[in-house]
């Protein structure tokens, strides 16, 4: 009797369990022969659905399924998903009998979970004060997001990168980094923070990015003369002229953007020379990163009025590249243009800009290089070598305004010693120089009314050698009896200040000082120089030995010019 009761109870339990199992169903949407691929696809689907699972099917295959649902709910769910085209067309309702171990999410056991009539729908959010109510619920946003193509997903990442919220790879995968970027963008723009962009939010984000790209007007340019293919910001620049090694593109409208294509025959030495030359041009501001490799270089420049980027490379006996320059307020947009230009840059083999292609009407000048302005210092003065390591004696005139000082052929120097009372300064080049000559000072007192000459860069960089200005020694003291000064009778220019004052034999007897602003207006021919005693005391106090000149006869003008050229240098002040 007891056995019959137990058997009847077992039959009822088995029948109930069987009925429950028969009413459990799944929407199987994909199957993959790779565990890794199945996990990746399940993770991707979880961005759109909340009930994604993945199971082993045996024989190395894995299924991705939604559920579990009741049988009726599974059929309805499959119909809805197909209608909205959110799952593949060959998806089907499965009873789960083939599902074995669950492999995603890790640690879950959906096979033992009760079936539900339908996926739980989240309640519509209430917008807090100051928050823009979304056009879709998070679930609806995920469903609409599921319809995006891979290209549209990448475009959204690019738009978030453009807005400064996304820094990872543009791969179209909406992982943790992309979700965080979406949340940050929502917070910054007053939306409810969900980490899932609604259809309207995606449109707002994309519109700003599209508008920016539309302003650039990027177009593929095949510059046949220069042998370069590249995407150019045609909305901001237009072809201007050829001036080898450059193809000039002028600003379009009021853009203030300029571009160059670089094309010339050459090797690594040519590339390195171009690297140096470009840094002397106004189009490449002094501040910015410099990166020169064996076969290419990048120059960036920034100042208050101009930013620029230059790239060049050498291959197949040619040097090719480009420069883009823009006003600082357009930096964000133009950095995008630089990236697109660099990505599309393609040198055409065997074609180089013909050096004969010069616009006959192009402006020419000593301060221009192939139509580009050479950077000029704020002002120039003169100085002269006082030892064989290349240290230069000059005056303090204007040095306080210089952010950068160069001597001679653009050798950077720093102030090593200074005496404001005497108005003297020593400049030490950052690398030792080997001057052709340096000053030898006269040890005896010069004769009044004797001939003197000042060597100096009277006209700045217009002349490559110093000029000699002749005059006479008018007095051994200043007008107020200063014993450290001499009074000269000669006409000098501002560029001569700091130049050596020499006697007829080439011995240095002073350094030309700047004119002083004061209540007294002196004749133009009245100039002053610090004498040898003042100079020697200043140099000796700073560890620089003074060479004495040997008595000698007067030199012919051409020999005096050669002596002056060997020791006199231009001192340039850059702000």
Protein backbone atom coordinates (compact mmCIF):
# COMPACT_ATOMS: atom_id res chain seq x y z
CA UNK A 1 0.00 0.00 0.00
CA UNK A 2 2.83 2.37 0.94
CA UNK A 3 4.64 1.59 -2.30
CA UNK A 4 1.57 2.47 -4.36
CA UNK A 5 1.20 5.85 -2.54
CA UNK A 6 4.89 6.65 -3.12
CA UNK A 7 4.65 5.70 -6.80
CA UNK A 8 1.59 7.85 -7.29
CA UNK A 9 3.34 10.83 -5.63
CA UNK A 10 6.45 10.40 -7.81
CA UNK A 11 4.32 10.23 -10.95
CA UNK A 12 2.57 13.50 -10.05
CA UNK A 13 5.92 15.28 -9.39
CA UNK A 14 7.41 13.97 -12.64
CA UNK A 15 4.34 15.05 -14.58
CA UNK A 16 4.51 18.57 -13.06
CA UNK A 17 8.22 18.91 -13.80
CA UNK A 18 7.77 17.64 -17.33
CA UNK A 19 5.01 20.14 -17.95
CA UNK A 20 7.14 22.96 -16.56
CA UNK A 21 10.08 21.95 -18.75
CA UNK A 22 7.87 21.71 -21.84
CA UNK A 23 6.73 25.31 -21.25
CA UNK A 24 10.30 26.67 -21.14
CA UNK A 25 11.51 28.13 -24.44
CA UNK A 26 14.40 30.23 -25.77
CA UNK A 27 14.98 32.47 -28.77
CA UNK A 28 18.21 31.11 -30.25
CA UNK A 29 19.77 33.86 -32.36
CA UNK A 30 23.28 32.66 -33.26
CA UNK A 31 25.63 29.66 -33.04
CA UNK A 32 29.46 29.72 -33.33
CA UNK A 33 32.21 27.11 -33.52
CA UNK A 34 34.53 29.21 -31.32
CA UNK A 35 34.18 29.84 -27.58
CA UNK A 36 35.89 33.21 -27.88
CA UNK A 37 33.68 34.32 -30.76
CA UNK A 38 30.54 33.19 -28.91
CA UNK A 39 31.55 35.14 -25.80
CA UNK A 40 32.31 38.27 -27.85
CA UNK A 41 28.97 38.09 -29.67
CA UNK A 42 27.08 37.48 -26.44
CA UNK A 43 28.77 40.49 -24.90
CA UNK A 44 27.83 42.60 -27.93
CA UNK A 45 24.19 41.49 -27.77
CA UNK A 46 24.08 42.34 -24.06
CA UNK A 47 24.36 45.99 -25.06
CA UNK A 48 20.87 45.69 -26.58
CA UNK A 49 19.17 42.97 -24.50
CA UNK A 50 19.08 42.15 -20.81
CA UNK A 51 18.49 38.38 -21.05
CA UNK A 52 21.39 37.17 -23.22
CA UNK A 53 22.91 33.77 -22.48
CA UNK A 54 25.41 31.50 -24.22
CA UNK A 55 25.58 27.71 -23.87
CA UNK A 56 27.76 24.87 -25.05
CA UNK A 57 26.03 22.64 -27.62
CA UNK A 58 28.69 19.96 -27.63
CA UNK A 59 30.95 19.05 -30.59
CA UNK A 60 32.68 22.43 -30.22
CA UNK A 61 29.65 24.62 -31.00
CA UNK A 62 28.10 27.33 -28.83
CA UNK A 63 24.63 28.89 -28.95
CA UNK A 64 23.54 32.43 -28.05
CA UNK A 65 19.95 32.57 -26.82
CA UNK A 66 17.51 34.95 -25.16
CA UNK A 67 15.28 33.68 -22.35
CA UNK A 68 14.00 31.61 -20.78
CA UNK A 69 10.40 32.43 -21.69
CA UNK A 70 7.15 30.57 -21.73
CA UNK A 71 6.50 28.95 -25.08
CA UNK A 72 3.92 31.57 -26.07
CA UNK A 73 6.15 34.45 -24.93
CA UNK A 74 9.15 33.06 -26.85
CA UNK A 75 7.17 32.95 -30.11
CA UNK A 76 5.91 36.49 -29.57
CA UNK A 77 9.42 37.69 -28.67
CA UNK A 78 10.91 36.17 -31.81
CA UNK A 79 8.23 37.79 -33.96
CA UNK A 80 8.87 41.21 -32.42
CA UNK A 81 12.64 40.95 -32.83
CA UNK A 82 12.37 39.86 -36.44
CA UNK A 83 9.95 42.65 -37.23
CA UNK A 84 12.33 45.23 -35.73
CA UNK A 85 15.26 43.47 -37.47
CA UNK A 86 17.16 43.23 -34.21
CA UNK A 87 18.20 39.59 -34.65
CA UNK A 88 19.29 37.48 -37.63
CA UNK A 89 16.49 36.27 -39.90
CA UNK A 90 17.23 32.59 -39.21
CA UNK A 91 16.69 32.91 -35.43
CA UNK A 92 14.22 30.35 -34.02
CA UNK A 93 12.45 29.20 -30.86
CA UNK A 94 14.35 26.36 -29.10
CA UNK A 95 13.27 24.22 -26.17
CA UNK A 96 16.79 24.27 -24.70
CA UNK A 97 17.19 20.51 -24.67
CA UNK A 98 20.46 20.83 -26.63
CA UNK A 99 21.90 23.41 -24.22
CA UNK A 100 24.60 22.08 -21.93
CA UNK A 101 26.95 24.12 -19.75
CA UNK A 102 26.34 27.88 -19.68
CA UNK A 103 29.47 29.74 -20.76
CA UNK A 104 28.20 33.36 -20.60
CA UNK A 105 27.55 35.31 -18.41
CA UNK A 106 30.21 33.76 -16.19
CA UNK A 107 28.75 32.00 -13.16
CA UNK A 108 25.11 32.21 -14.34
CA UNK A 109 22.72 29.23 -14.52
CA UNK A 110 19.80 30.32 -16.69
CA UNK A 111 18.86 26.69 -17.35
CA UNK A 112 17.42 26.53 -13.80
CA UNK A 113 15.74 29.94 -13.97
CA UNK A 114 11.91 30.10 -14.21
CA UNK A 115 10.37 31.04 -17.53
CA UNK A 116 8.89 34.54 -17.84
CA UNK A 117 6.03 35.76 -19.96
CA UNK A 118 8.04 38.63 -21.46
CA UNK A 119 11.26 40.58 -20.82
CA UNK A 120 10.90 43.06 -18.00
CA UNK A 121 10.41 46.57 -19.34
CA UNK A 122 12.09 49.33 -17.30
CA UNK A 123 9.90 52.08 -15.93
CA UNK A 124 9.98 55.34 -17.81
CA UNK A 125 12.50 57.63 -16.07
CA UNK A 126 11.46 60.85 -14.42
CA UNK A 127 13.72 63.71 -15.37
CA UNK A 128 15.26 65.53 -12.38
CA UNK A 129 15.28 69.32 -12.44
CA UNK A 130 17.55 70.69 -15.17
CA UNK A 131 17.79 67.33 -16.98
CA UNK A 132 16.52 66.92 -20.54
CA UNK A 133 13.99 64.09 -20.73
CA UNK A 134 15.23 61.50 -23.26
CA UNK A 135 13.25 60.69 -26.37
CA UNK A 136 13.60 56.97 -25.63
CA UNK A 137 13.79 54.76 -22.58
CA UNK A 138 17.16 53.02 -22.04
CA UNK A 139 15.67 49.79 -23.39
CA UNK A 140 14.34 51.56 -26.47
CA UNK A 141 17.69 53.30 -26.93
CA UNK A 142 19.49 49.95 -26.81
CA UNK A 143 17.11 48.51 -29.38
CA UNK A 144 17.59 51.45 -31.76
CA UNK A 145 21.34 51.30 -31.17
CA UNK A 146 21.28 47.65 -32.26
CA UNK A 147 20.28 48.80 -35.76
CA UNK A 148 23.46 50.81 -36.25
CA UNK A 149 25.92 49.58 -38.82
CA UNK A 150 29.58 49.09 -37.95
CA UNK A 151 30.42 52.28 -39.86
CA UNK A 152 27.81 54.27 -37.91
CA UNK A 153 29.18 52.94 -34.62
CA UNK A 154 32.68 54.04 -35.55
CA UNK A 155 31.34 57.44 -36.59
CA UNK A 156 29.80 57.88 -33.13
CA UNK A 157 33.13 57.06 -31.49
CA UNK A 158 34.84 59.58 -33.78
CA UNK A 159 32.26 62.21 -32.84
CA UNK A 160 32.85 61.57 -29.12
CA UNK A 161 36.59 61.70 -29.74
CA UNK A 162 36.09 65.02 -31.54
CA UNK A 163 34.17 66.36 -28.52
CA UNK A 164 36.95 65.20 -26.20
CA UNK A 165 35.10 62.42 -24.40
CA UNK A 166 36.60 59.33 -26.04
CA UNK A 167 40.29 58.44 -26.29
CA UNK A 168 40.33 54.71 -27.09
CA UNK A 169 40.49 52.94 -30.45
CA UNK A 170 37.90 53.64 -33.14
CA UNK A 171 36.68 50.05 -33.46
CA UNK A 172 32.87 50.29 -33.44
CA UNK A 173 32.65 48.12 -30.30
CA UNK A 174 30.57 49.72 -27.57
CA UNK A 175 32.49 48.43 -24.58
CA UNK A 176 33.14 49.93 -21.18
CA UNK A 177 35.22 52.84 -22.52
CA UNK A 178 32.60 53.81 -25.09
CA UNK A 179 29.80 53.59 -22.52
CA UNK A 180 31.77 55.79 -20.11
CA UNK A 181 32.34 58.33 -22.88
CA UNK A 182 28.62 58.34 -23.70
CA UNK A 183 27.78 58.89 -20.03
CA UNK A 184 30.27 61.77 -19.77
CA UNK A 185 28.85 63.37 -22.93
CA UNK A 186 25.30 63.05 -21.55
CA UNK A 187 26.34 64.64 -18.25
CA UNK A 188 28.14 67.50 -19.99
CA UNK A 189 25.11 68.24 -22.17
CA UNK A 190 22.40 68.04 -19.51
CA UNK A 191 20.94 64.65 -20.36
CA UNK A 192 20.05 61.86 -17.98
CA UNK A 193 23.18 59.76 -17.57
CA UNK A 194 22.51 56.22 -18.78
CA UNK A 195 25.60 55.38 -20.85
CA UNK A 196 23.33 54.61 -23.82
CA UNK A 197 22.63 57.39 -26.33
CA UNK A 198 19.10 57.77 -27.59
CA UNK A 199 18.31 58.35 -31.24
CA UNK A 200 17.99 62.09 -30.65
CA UNK A 201 21.23 62.28 -28.66
CA UNK A 202 23.13 60.42 -31.35
CA UNK A 203 21.80 62.91 -33.90
CA UNK A 204 22.88 65.91 -31.78
CA UNK A 205 26.34 64.45 -31.22
CA UNK A 206 26.82 63.53 -34.88
CA UNK A 207 25.54 66.85 -36.17
CA UNK A 208 28.28 68.86 -34.45
CA UNK A 209 30.94 66.54 -35.83
CA UNK A 210 29.46 66.61 -39.35
CA UNK A 211 29.28 70.40 -39.29
CA UNK A 212 32.97 70.59 -38.38
CA UNK A 213 33.96 68.20 -41.15
CA UNK A 214 31.78 70.13 -43.57
CA UNK A 215 33.71 73.30 -42.76
CA UNK A 216 36.98 71.53 -43.55
CA UNK A 217 35.61 70.32 -46.88
CA UNK A 218 38.23 67.58 -47.09
CA UNK A 219 38.83 66.57 -50.71
CA UNK A 220 41.26 64.15 -52.29
CA UNK A 221 43.86 66.12 -54.29
CA UNK A 222 46.08 64.51 -56.89
CA UNK A 223 48.84 67.09 -57.34
CA UNK A 224 50.34 65.77 -60.56
CA UNK A 225 53.15 68.35 -60.77
CA UNK A 226 54.43 67.61 -57.27
CA UNK A 227 53.73 63.88 -57.33
CA UNK A 228 51.61 63.87 -54.17
CA UNK A 229 48.14 62.50 -53.42
CA UNK A 230 46.57 63.84 -50.25
CA UNK A 231 43.26 64.90 -48.70
CA UNK A 232 43.23 68.69 -48.40
CA UNK A 233 40.88 71.00 -46.45
CA UNK A 234 39.42 72.47 -49.63
CA UNK A 235 36.85 74.41 -47.65
CA UNK A 236 39.64 76.51 -46.10
CA UNK A 237 42.48 76.67 -48.67
CA UNK A 238 42.79 77.01 -52.42
CA UNK A 239 45.68 76.48 -54.84
CA UNK A 240 47.83 79.58 -55.23
CA UNK A 241 51.13 78.94 -57.08
CA UNK A 242 54.26 76.85 -57.54
CA UNK A 243 57.52 78.03 -55.95
CA UNK A 244 59.79 74.99 -55.71
CA UNK A 245 60.16 73.14 -53.48
CA UNK A 246 56.66 74.25 -52.41
CA UNK A 247 53.16 74.18 -53.83
CA UNK A 248 51.37 77.06 -52.12
CA UNK A 249 47.73 76.94 -51.01
CA UNK A 250 46.35 80.30 -49.91
CA UNK A 251 43.51 80.97 -47.44
CA UNK A 252 40.01 80.64 -48.86
CA UNK A 253 37.76 83.49 -47.84
CA UNK A 254 38.54 84.63 -44.29
CA UNK A 255 39.87 81.26 -43.06
CA UNK A 256 43.47 82.44 -42.34
CA UNK A 257 44.58 78.85 -43.05
CA UNK A 258 47.55 78.14 -45.32
CA UNK A 259 49.02 74.92 -46.66
CA UNK A 260 52.13 73.79 -48.50
CA UNK A 261 53.02 70.65 -50.36
CA UNK A 262 56.75 69.90 -50.36
CA UNK A 263 58.35 68.16 -53.34
CA UNK A 264 62.00 68.10 -54.36
CA UNK A 265 64.77 65.79 -55.49
CA UNK A 266 67.06 64.79 -52.63
CA UNK A 267 68.41 62.34 -50.10
CA UNK A 268 68.75 62.21 -46.33
CA UNK A 269 71.04 65.25 -46.33
CA UNK A 270 68.38 67.17 -48.25
CA UNK A 271 65.76 66.09 -45.71
CA UNK A 272 67.94 67.21 -42.80
CA UNK A 273 68.64 70.51 -44.55
CA UNK A 274 64.91 71.06 -45.07
CA UNK A 275 64.39 70.30 -41.38
CA UNK A 276 66.75 73.16 -40.47
CA UNK A 277 65.43 75.56 -43.11
CA UNK A 278 61.77 75.11 -42.15
CA UNK A 279 62.58 76.20 -38.60
CA UNK A 280 63.82 79.56 -39.91
CA UNK A 281 60.45 80.33 -41.51
CA UNK A 282 57.64 82.33 -39.94
CA UNK A 283 55.21 79.55 -40.83
CA UNK A 284 56.89 77.32 -38.19
CA UNK A 285 56.78 79.15 -34.81
CA UNK A 286 59.68 78.55 -32.45
CA UNK A 287 57.70 76.85 -29.68
CA UNK A 288 56.67 73.27 -30.41
CA UNK A 289 57.88 69.70 -30.61
CA UNK A 290 60.62 68.72 -33.06
CA UNK A 291 61.08 65.07 -34.03
CA UNK A 292 63.65 64.10 -36.68
CA UNK A 293 64.21 60.47 -37.56
CA UNK A 294 66.42 58.83 -40.17
CA UNK A 295 63.87 59.10 -42.98
CA UNK A 296 61.29 61.66 -41.85
CA UNK A 297 60.62 64.55 -39.53
CA UNK A 298 57.71 66.32 -37.83
CA UNK A 299 57.75 69.98 -36.82
CA UNK A 300 55.01 71.56 -34.75
CA UNK A 301 54.89 75.23 -33.87
CA UNK A 302 52.73 77.40 -31.65
CA UNK A 303 52.63 81.06 -30.73
CA UNK A 304 49.89 83.56 -29.92
CA UNK A 305 48.92 84.09 -33.56
CA UNK A 306 49.88 80.91 -35.43
CA UNK A 307 49.96 77.12 -35.06
CA UNK A 308 51.44 74.79 -37.66
CA UNK A 309 52.34 71.20 -38.45
CA UNK A 310 54.98 70.02 -40.95
CA UNK A 311 55.72 66.46 -42.04
CA UNK A 312 58.31 65.35 -44.59
CA UNK A 313 59.85 62.06 -45.63
CA UNK A 314 62.58 60.87 -48.02
CA UNK A 315 62.29 57.88 -50.34
CA UNK A 316 63.30 56.93 -53.88
CA UNK A 317 65.54 59.99 -54.22
CA UNK A 318 62.81 62.52 -53.40
CA UNK A 319 61.80 64.54 -50.35
CA UNK A 320 58.06 65.12 -50.01
CA UNK A 321 55.71 66.35 -47.33
CA UNK A 322 53.25 69.02 -46.33
CA UNK A 323 52.70 71.94 -43.96
CA UNK A 324 49.40 73.19 -42.55
CA UNK A 325 49.20 76.50 -40.65
CA UNK A 326 46.19 77.99 -38.89
CA UNK A 327 45.08 80.55 -36.27
CA UNK A 328 45.07 79.19 -32.68
CA UNK A 329 41.30 79.51 -32.27
CA UNK A 330 40.85 76.80 -34.94
CA UNK A 331 43.25 74.36 -33.29
CA UNK A 332 40.72 71.61 -32.53
CA UNK A 333 39.38 71.56 -36.09
CA UNK A 334 42.79 71.79 -37.71
CA UNK A 335 44.27 68.99 -35.63
CA UNK A 336 41.59 66.80 -37.22
CA UNK A 337 42.63 68.08 -40.65
CA UNK A 338 46.27 67.28 -39.87
CA UNK A 339 45.33 63.74 -38.92
CA UNK A 340 43.34 63.24 -42.14
CA UNK A 341 46.13 64.74 -44.25
CA UNK A 342 48.75 62.54 -42.61
CA UNK A 343 46.61 59.41 -42.99
CA UNK A 344 45.98 60.10 -46.70
CA UNK A 345 49.47 61.38 -47.64
CA UNK A 346 50.83 59.35 -50.56
CA UNK A 347 54.01 60.28 -52.49
CA UNK A 348 53.85 59.32 -56.17
CA UNK A 349 57.03 57.56 -57.17
CA UNK A 350 59.18 59.09 -59.91
CA UNK A 351 57.43 62.49 -59.98
CA UNK A 352 58.87 65.62 -58.38
CA UNK A 353 58.17 69.34 -58.64
CA UNK A 354 60.04 70.95 -61.55
CA UNK A 355 62.38 73.60 -60.18
CA UNK A 356 61.66 75.72 -63.26
CA UNK A 357 58.01 76.12 -62.23
CA UNK A 358 58.29 79.54 -60.62
CA UNK A 359 55.58 82.17 -60.82
CA UNK A 360 57.25 85.16 -62.58
CA UNK A 361 54.97 87.53 -60.66
CA UNK A 362 55.80 86.04 -57.26
CA UNK A 363 57.13 88.45 -54.69
CA UNK A 364 60.89 88.32 -54.13
CA UNK A 365 63.09 89.62 -51.36
CA UNK A 366 66.07 88.82 -49.15
CA UNK A 367 63.65 87.97 -46.34
CA UNK A 368 61.70 85.46 -48.46
CA UNK A 369 62.41 81.81 -49.25
CA UNK A 370 60.35 80.34 -52.08
CA UNK A 371 57.58 82.77 -51.26
CA UNK A 372 57.70 82.20 -47.50
CA UNK A 373 58.78 84.78 -44.95
CA UNK A 374 62.01 83.99 -43.15
CA UNK A 375 61.72 84.55 -39.43
CA UNK A 376 63.43 87.76 -38.40
CA UNK A 377 64.54 88.78 -34.91
CA UNK A 378 62.90 91.67 -33.08
CA UNK A 379 66.15 93.57 -33.38
CA UNK A 380 69.85 92.99 -34.00
CA UNK A 381 72.97 94.43 -32.47
CA UNK A 382 76.67 93.61 -32.79
CA UNK A 383 79.24 91.90 -30.62
CA UNK A 384 82.73 90.45 -30.93
CA UNK A 385 84.59 87.34 -29.87
CA UNK A 386 86.88 87.74 -26.88
CA UNK A 387 88.35 84.22 -26.66
CA UNK A 388 88.86 81.08 -28.72
CA UNK A 389 85.77 79.31 -27.29
CA UNK A 390 83.45 81.83 -28.93
CA UNK A 391 82.35 83.96 -25.97
CA UNK A 392 80.99 87.27 -27.19
CA UNK A 393 81.20 90.73 -25.64
CA UNK A 394 78.24 92.99 -26.35
CA UNK A 395 76.14 95.64 -24.61
CA UNK A 396 73.09 95.21 -22.41
CA UNK A 397 70.99 97.23 -24.86
CA UNK A 398 67.59 95.50 -25.15
CA UNK A 399 68.75 92.11 -23.82
CA UNK A 400 66.08 92.15 -21.11
CA UNK A 401 63.38 91.86 -23.78
CA UNK A 402 64.84 88.75 -25.40
CA UNK A 403 63.30 85.34 -24.82
CA UNK A 404 66.00 83.88 -27.06
CA UNK A 405 69.42 85.21 -28.09
CA UNK A 406 71.53 84.05 -30.99
CA UNK A 407 74.99 85.01 -32.17
CA UNK A 408 76.41 84.64 -35.65
CA UNK A 409 74.75 81.99 -37.79
CA UNK A 410 71.83 81.32 -35.45
CA UNK A 411 73.90 79.86 -32.59
CA UNK A 412 71.83 80.04 -29.42
CA UNK A 413 73.55 81.80 -26.54
CA UNK A 414 72.85 82.72 -22.95
CA UNK A 415 73.94 85.66 -20.82
CA UNK A 416 77.01 84.50 -18.88
CA UNK A 417 77.89 87.83 -17.23
CA UNK A 418 76.40 91.30 -17.08
CA UNK A 419 77.24 94.73 -15.63
CA UNK A 420 74.33 97.13 -15.92
CA UNK A 421 76.35 100.12 -14.74
CA UNK A 422 78.95 99.66 -17.47
CA UNK A 423 76.31 98.46 -19.93
CA UNK A 424 78.34 95.34 -20.83
CA UNK A 425 77.37 91.68 -21.18
CA UNK A 426 79.12 88.43 -22.09
CA UNK A 427 77.17 85.90 -24.17
CA UNK A 428 78.18 82.26 -24.01
CA UNK A 429 77.08 80.07 -26.95
CA UNK A 430 75.44 76.82 -25.89
CA UNK A 431 78.05 74.98 -27.91
CA UNK A 432 81.69 75.98 -28.18
CA UNK A 433 82.52 77.83 -31.38
CA UNK A 434 85.84 78.14 -33.19
CA UNK A 435 86.02 81.79 -34.31
CA UNK A 436 88.40 82.78 -37.08
CA UNK A 437 89.63 85.56 -34.84
CA UNK A 438 89.00 87.30 -31.53
CA UNK A 439 89.79 90.68 -30.03
CA UNK A 440 93.29 91.85 -29.14
CA UNK A 441 93.09 95.01 -26.99
CA UNK A 442 95.29 98.09 -27.16
CA UNK A 443 97.24 98.49 -23.92
CA UNK A 444 98.55 102.01 -24.48
CA UNK A 445 96.47 105.15 -24.33
CA UNK A 446 95.23 106.11 -27.81
CA UNK A 447 95.94 109.57 -29.23
CA UNK A 448 93.18 112.15 -29.42
CA UNK A 449 91.88 112.93 -32.90
CA UNK A 450 93.30 109.63 -34.16
CA UNK A 451 91.34 107.62 -36.72
CA UNK A 452 89.03 104.87 -35.44
CA UNK A 453 86.62 102.44 -37.07
CA UNK A 454 83.56 100.66 -35.66
CA UNK A 455 82.74 97.21 -37.05
CA UNK A 456 79.06 96.34 -36.86
CA UNK A 457 76.01 94.87 -38.54
CA UNK A 458 74.60 98.27 -39.44
CA UNK A 459 71.82 96.82 -41.60
CA UNK A 460 70.98 93.71 -39.64
CA UNK A 461 70.75 90.55 -41.74
CA UNK A 462 70.66 92.43 -45.04
CA UNK A 463 74.45 92.15 -45.27
CA UNK A 464 76.23 88.93 -44.38
CA UNK A 465 79.43 90.70 -43.22
CA UNK A 466 79.94 93.62 -40.84
CA UNK A 467 80.41 97.11 -42.20
CA UNK A 468 83.13 99.53 -41.09
CA UNK A 469 82.14 103.03 -40.02
CA UNK A 470 85.08 105.45 -39.81
CA UNK A 471 85.46 108.39 -37.44
CA UNK A 472 87.86 109.83 -34.89
CA UNK A 473 88.52 109.63 -31.18
CA UNK A 474 87.17 112.95 -29.84
CA UNK A 475 87.91 112.55 -26.09
CA UNK A 476 89.25 109.99 -23.63
CA UNK A 477 86.37 110.69 -21.21
CA UNK A 478 82.63 111.07 -21.34
CA UNK A 479 80.90 114.46 -21.39
CA UNK A 480 80.59 114.38 -17.60
CA UNK A 481 84.17 113.22 -17.13
CA UNK A 482 83.45 109.49 -16.93
CA UNK A 483 86.83 107.73 -16.98
CA UNK A 484 85.32 104.45 -18.21
CA UNK A 485 84.18 106.05 -21.47
CA UNK A 486 85.56 107.55 -24.63
CA UNK A 487 83.79 110.04 -26.85
CA UNK A 488 83.76 109.34 -30.56
CA UNK A 489 82.98 111.52 -33.51
CA UNK A 490 81.24 109.22 -36.04
CA UNK A 491 77.79 108.38 -37.44
CA UNK A 492 76.64 104.92 -36.39
CA UNK A 493 73.37 103.01 -36.70
CA UNK A 494 71.55 101.01 -33.99
CA UNK A 495 72.84 97.73 -35.48
CA UNK A 496 76.43 98.87 -34.84
CA UNK A 497 75.91 99.01 -31.05
CA UNK A 498 78.11 96.41 -29.35
CA UNK A 499 80.65 96.39 -32.17
CA UNK A 500 84.40 96.77 -31.54
CA UNK A 501 86.00 100.20 -31.85
CA UNK A 502 89.42 99.67 -33.50
CA UNK A 503 92.42 101.82 -34.18
CA UNK A 504 94.07 101.93 -37.60
CA UNK A 505 96.17 98.85 -36.78
CA UNK A 506 93.12 96.75 -35.82
CA UNK A 507 93.68 96.83 -32.04
CA UNK A 508 90.45 97.09 -30.06
CA UNK A 509 90.25 100.22 -27.93
CA UNK A 510 86.56 100.08 -26.93
CA UNK A 511 83.02 98.86 -27.56
CA UNK A 512 80.30 101.08 -29.05
CA UNK A 513 77.55 101.93 -26.55
CA UNK A 514 73.93 102.79 -27.38
CA UNK A 515 72.74 106.36 -27.49
CA UNK A 516 71.23 107.51 -24.21
CA UNK A 517 67.79 109.01 -23.97
CA UNK A 518 67.85 112.12 -21.81
CA UNK A 519 67.09 115.78 -21.57
CA UNK A 520 70.09 116.67 -23.72
CA UNK A 521 69.78 116.22 -27.47
CA UNK A 522 73.30 115.54 -28.75
CA UNK A 523 74.45 115.79 -32.37
CA UNK A 524 74.17 112.56 -34.35
CA UNK A 525 77.95 112.30 -34.65
CA UNK A 526 78.48 112.21 -30.88
CA UNK A 527 78.82 108.58 -29.73
CA UNK A 528 80.39 106.88 -26.74
CA UNK A 529 82.37 103.70 -26.18
CA UNK A 530 83.41 101.79 -23.05
CA UNK A 531 87.20 101.87 -22.96
CA UNK A 532 89.75 99.07 -22.61
CA UNK A 533 90.23 99.58 -18.88
CA UNK A 534 86.48 99.12 -18.20
CA UNK A 535 86.25 96.13 -20.58
CA UNK A 536 89.35 94.42 -19.15
CA UNK A 537 88.11 94.81 -15.57
CA UNK A 538 84.70 93.37 -16.47
CA UNK A 539 86.11 90.41 -18.41
CA UNK A 540 88.80 89.58 -15.83
CA UNK A 541 86.19 89.65 -13.03
CA UNK A 542 84.29 86.97 -14.94
CA UNK A 543 87.23 84.70 -15.61
CA UNK A 544 88.00 85.76 -19.18
CA UNK A 545 91.61 86.60 -19.99
CA UNK A 546 92.24 89.64 -22.17
CA UNK A 547 94.66 89.38 -25.10
CA UNK A 548 96.95 92.37 -25.65
CA UNK A 549 97.57 93.69 -29.15
CA UNK A 550 101.14 94.06 -30.35
CA UNK A 551 102.19 97.49 -31.70
CA UNK A 552 101.76 97.45 -35.43
CA UNK A 553 101.49 99.71 -38.43
CA UNK A 554 98.23 100.89 -39.91
CA UNK A 555 96.38 98.32 -42.00
CA UNK A 556 94.97 98.88 -45.47
CA UNK A 557 91.13 99.17 -45.41
CA UNK A 558 90.65 95.73 -46.96
CA UNK A 559 92.85 94.06 -44.30
CA UNK A 560 91.06 95.94 -41.53
CA UNK A 561 87.74 94.74 -42.94
CA UNK A 562 88.96 91.13 -42.95
CA UNK A 563 90.17 91.42 -39.35
CA UNK A 564 86.84 92.91 -38.30
CA UNK A 565 84.82 90.23 -40.12
CA UNK A 566 86.74 87.44 -38.35
CA UNK A 567 85.82 88.62 -34.85
CA UNK A 568 82.59 90.60 -35.19
CA UNK A 569 79.23 88.81 -34.98
CA UNK A 570 75.60 89.74 -35.23
CA UNK A 571 73.66 89.49 -31.96
CA UNK A 572 69.96 88.77 -32.53
CA UNK A 573 67.15 89.19 -30.04
CA UNK A 574 64.03 87.05 -30.43
CA UNK A 575 60.83 87.67 -28.49
